[in-house]
Amino acid sequence: MPKGQAARPKHIPQRTCLGCRQVLAKRTLVRVVRTPDGVRTDKTGKAPGRGAYIHNRRICWERALKGETLDQALRTTLTEAERETLRQIGQGMPEDDS
């Protein structure tokens, strides 16, 4: 590095939570992905398909599943079975960040 130049801070990808609309580091959110096989969570964050991000909080999952928010983000219509599976995952999330 040439003398006098400061080190650049490392780029941290940012994503918006569908439930609360808060912008956070991608790694702190849970990715929900639409694949040809259906909609599922993506723990690696690298699965192919259209993705959407939700906080690791129950209230955010409830808000994202309410209405058509998640459907619009994934550009699909969730089946009732997919919606119920995601609802159960959301119920397993903590009430808040603590």
Protein backbone atom coordinates (compact mmCIF):
# COMPACT_ATOMS: atom_id res chain seq x y z
CA MET A 1 0.00 0.00 0.00
CA PRO A 2 1.46 3.40 -0.97
CA LYS A 3 2.44 5.73 1.82
CA GLY A 4 -0.30 8.11 2.98
CA GLN A 5 -3.29 6.00 1.88
CA ALA A 6 -5.65 4.68 4.51
CA ALA A 7 -6.83 1.08 4.38
CA ARG A 8 -10.29 0.72 2.89
CA PRO A 9 -12.90 -0.73 5.21
CA LYS A 10 -14.14 -4.15 4.12
CA HIS A 11 -17.46 -4.05 2.25
CA ILE A 12 -20.28 -5.60 4.28
CA PRO A 13 -23.36 -6.53 2.20
CA GLN A 14 -26.56 -4.93 3.52
CA ARG A 15 -30.11 -6.27 3.20
CA THR A 16 -33.54 -5.07 4.34
CA CYS A 17 -35.71 -7.13 6.68
CA LEU A 18 -39.18 -7.68 5.18
CA GLY A 19 -40.80 -7.53 8.61
CA CYS A 20 -39.43 -4.29 10.06
CA ARG A 21 -37.73 -2.70 7.00
CA GLN A 22 -34.49 -2.23 8.97
CA VAL A 23 -31.28 -2.39 6.90
CA LEU A 24 -28.71 -4.72 8.47
CA ALA A 25 -25.70 -6.81 7.55
CA LYS A 26 -26.75 -9.71 5.33
CA ARG A 27 -25.27 -12.28 7.74
CA THR A 28 -27.56 -11.18 10.59
CA LEU A 29 -30.75 -12.00 8.64
CA VAL A 30 -32.38 -15.29 7.62
CA ARG A 31 -32.70 -15.77 3.86
CA VAL A 32 -35.87 -17.26 2.41
CA VAL A 33 -35.36 -18.47 -1.15
CA ARG A 34 -37.70 -19.44 -3.99
CA THR A 35 -36.41 -22.44 -5.92
CA PRO A 36 -38.05 -24.60 -8.59
CA ASP A 37 -38.85 -27.06 -5.76
CA GLY A 38 -40.64 -24.44 -3.65
CA VAL A 39 -39.89 -21.88 -0.96
CA ARG A 40 -37.46 -22.69 1.87
CA THR A 41 -34.95 -21.08 4.21
CA ASP A 42 -31.33 -20.87 3.09
CA LYS A 43 -28.83 -21.22 5.93
CA THR A 44 -25.79 -20.75 3.67
CA GLY A 45 -27.08 -17.65 1.90
CA LYS A 46 -25.79 -19.07 -1.37
CA ALA A 47 -28.65 -21.20 -2.68
CA PRO A 48 -29.71 -20.31 -6.23
CA GLY A 49 -33.06 -18.62 -6.60
CA ARG A 50 -34.80 -15.39 -5.70
CA GLY A 51 -34.25 -14.52 -2.06
CA ALA A 52 -35.73 -12.31 0.63
CA TYR A 53 -34.41 -11.55 4.11
CA ILE A 54 -36.12 -11.61 7.50
CA HIS A 55 -34.82 -10.82 11.00
CA ASN A 56 -34.27 -13.63 13.47
CA ARG A 57 -37.29 -12.33 15.45
CA ARG A 58 -40.81 -13.75 15.65
CA ILE A 59 -42.54 -10.39 15.07
CA CYS A 60 -40.64 -9.86 11.81
CA TRP A 61 -41.65 -13.31 10.54
CA GLU A 62 -45.30 -12.63 11.42
CA ARG A 63 -45.23 -9.29 9.59
CA ALA A 64 -43.47 -10.76 6.54
CA LEU A 65 -46.02 -13.57 6.27
CA LYS A 66 -48.98 -11.23 6.79
CA GLY A 67 -50.61 -10.25 3.52
CA GLU A 68 -48.54 -10.53 0.36
CA THR A 69 -45.24 -9.02 1.50
CA LEU A 70 -43.20 -12.21 1.10
CA ASP A 71 -45.07 -13.20 -2.07
CA GLN A 72 -44.13 -9.89 -3.68
CA ALA A 73 -40.50 -10.07 -2.57
CA LEU A 74 -40.10 -13.59 -3.98
CA ARG A 75 -42.24 -12.78 -7.04
CA THR A 76 -44.42 -15.82 -6.52
CA THR A 77 -47.59 -16.91 -4.75
CA LEU A 78 -46.88 -18.97 -1.66
CA THR A 79 -48.93 -22.11 -1.27
CA GLU A 80 -50.72 -22.59 2.03
CA ALA A 81 -48.32 -25.44 2.88
CA GLU A 82 -45.26 -23.21 2.25
CA ARG A 83 -46.81 -20.40 4.26
CA GLU A 84 -47.54 -22.77 7.17
CA THR A 85 -44.00 -24.19 7.10
CA LEU A 86 -42.53 -20.67 7.23
CA ARG A 87 -45.01 -19.72 9.97
CA GLN A 88 -43.76 -22.65 12.07
CA ILE A 89 -40.14 -21.57 11.52
CA GLY A 90 -41.12 -18.06 12.63
CA GLN A 91 -42.78 -19.43 15.77
CA GLY A 92 -39.45 -20.97 16.70
CA MET A 93 -37.73 -17.58 16.59
CA PRO A 94 -37.13 -15.54 19.77
CA GLU A 95 -39.50 -12.71 20.70
CA ASP A 96 -36.73 -10.12 20.33
CA ASP A 97 -32.97 -9.77 19.64
CA SER A 98 -31.88 -10.62 23.18
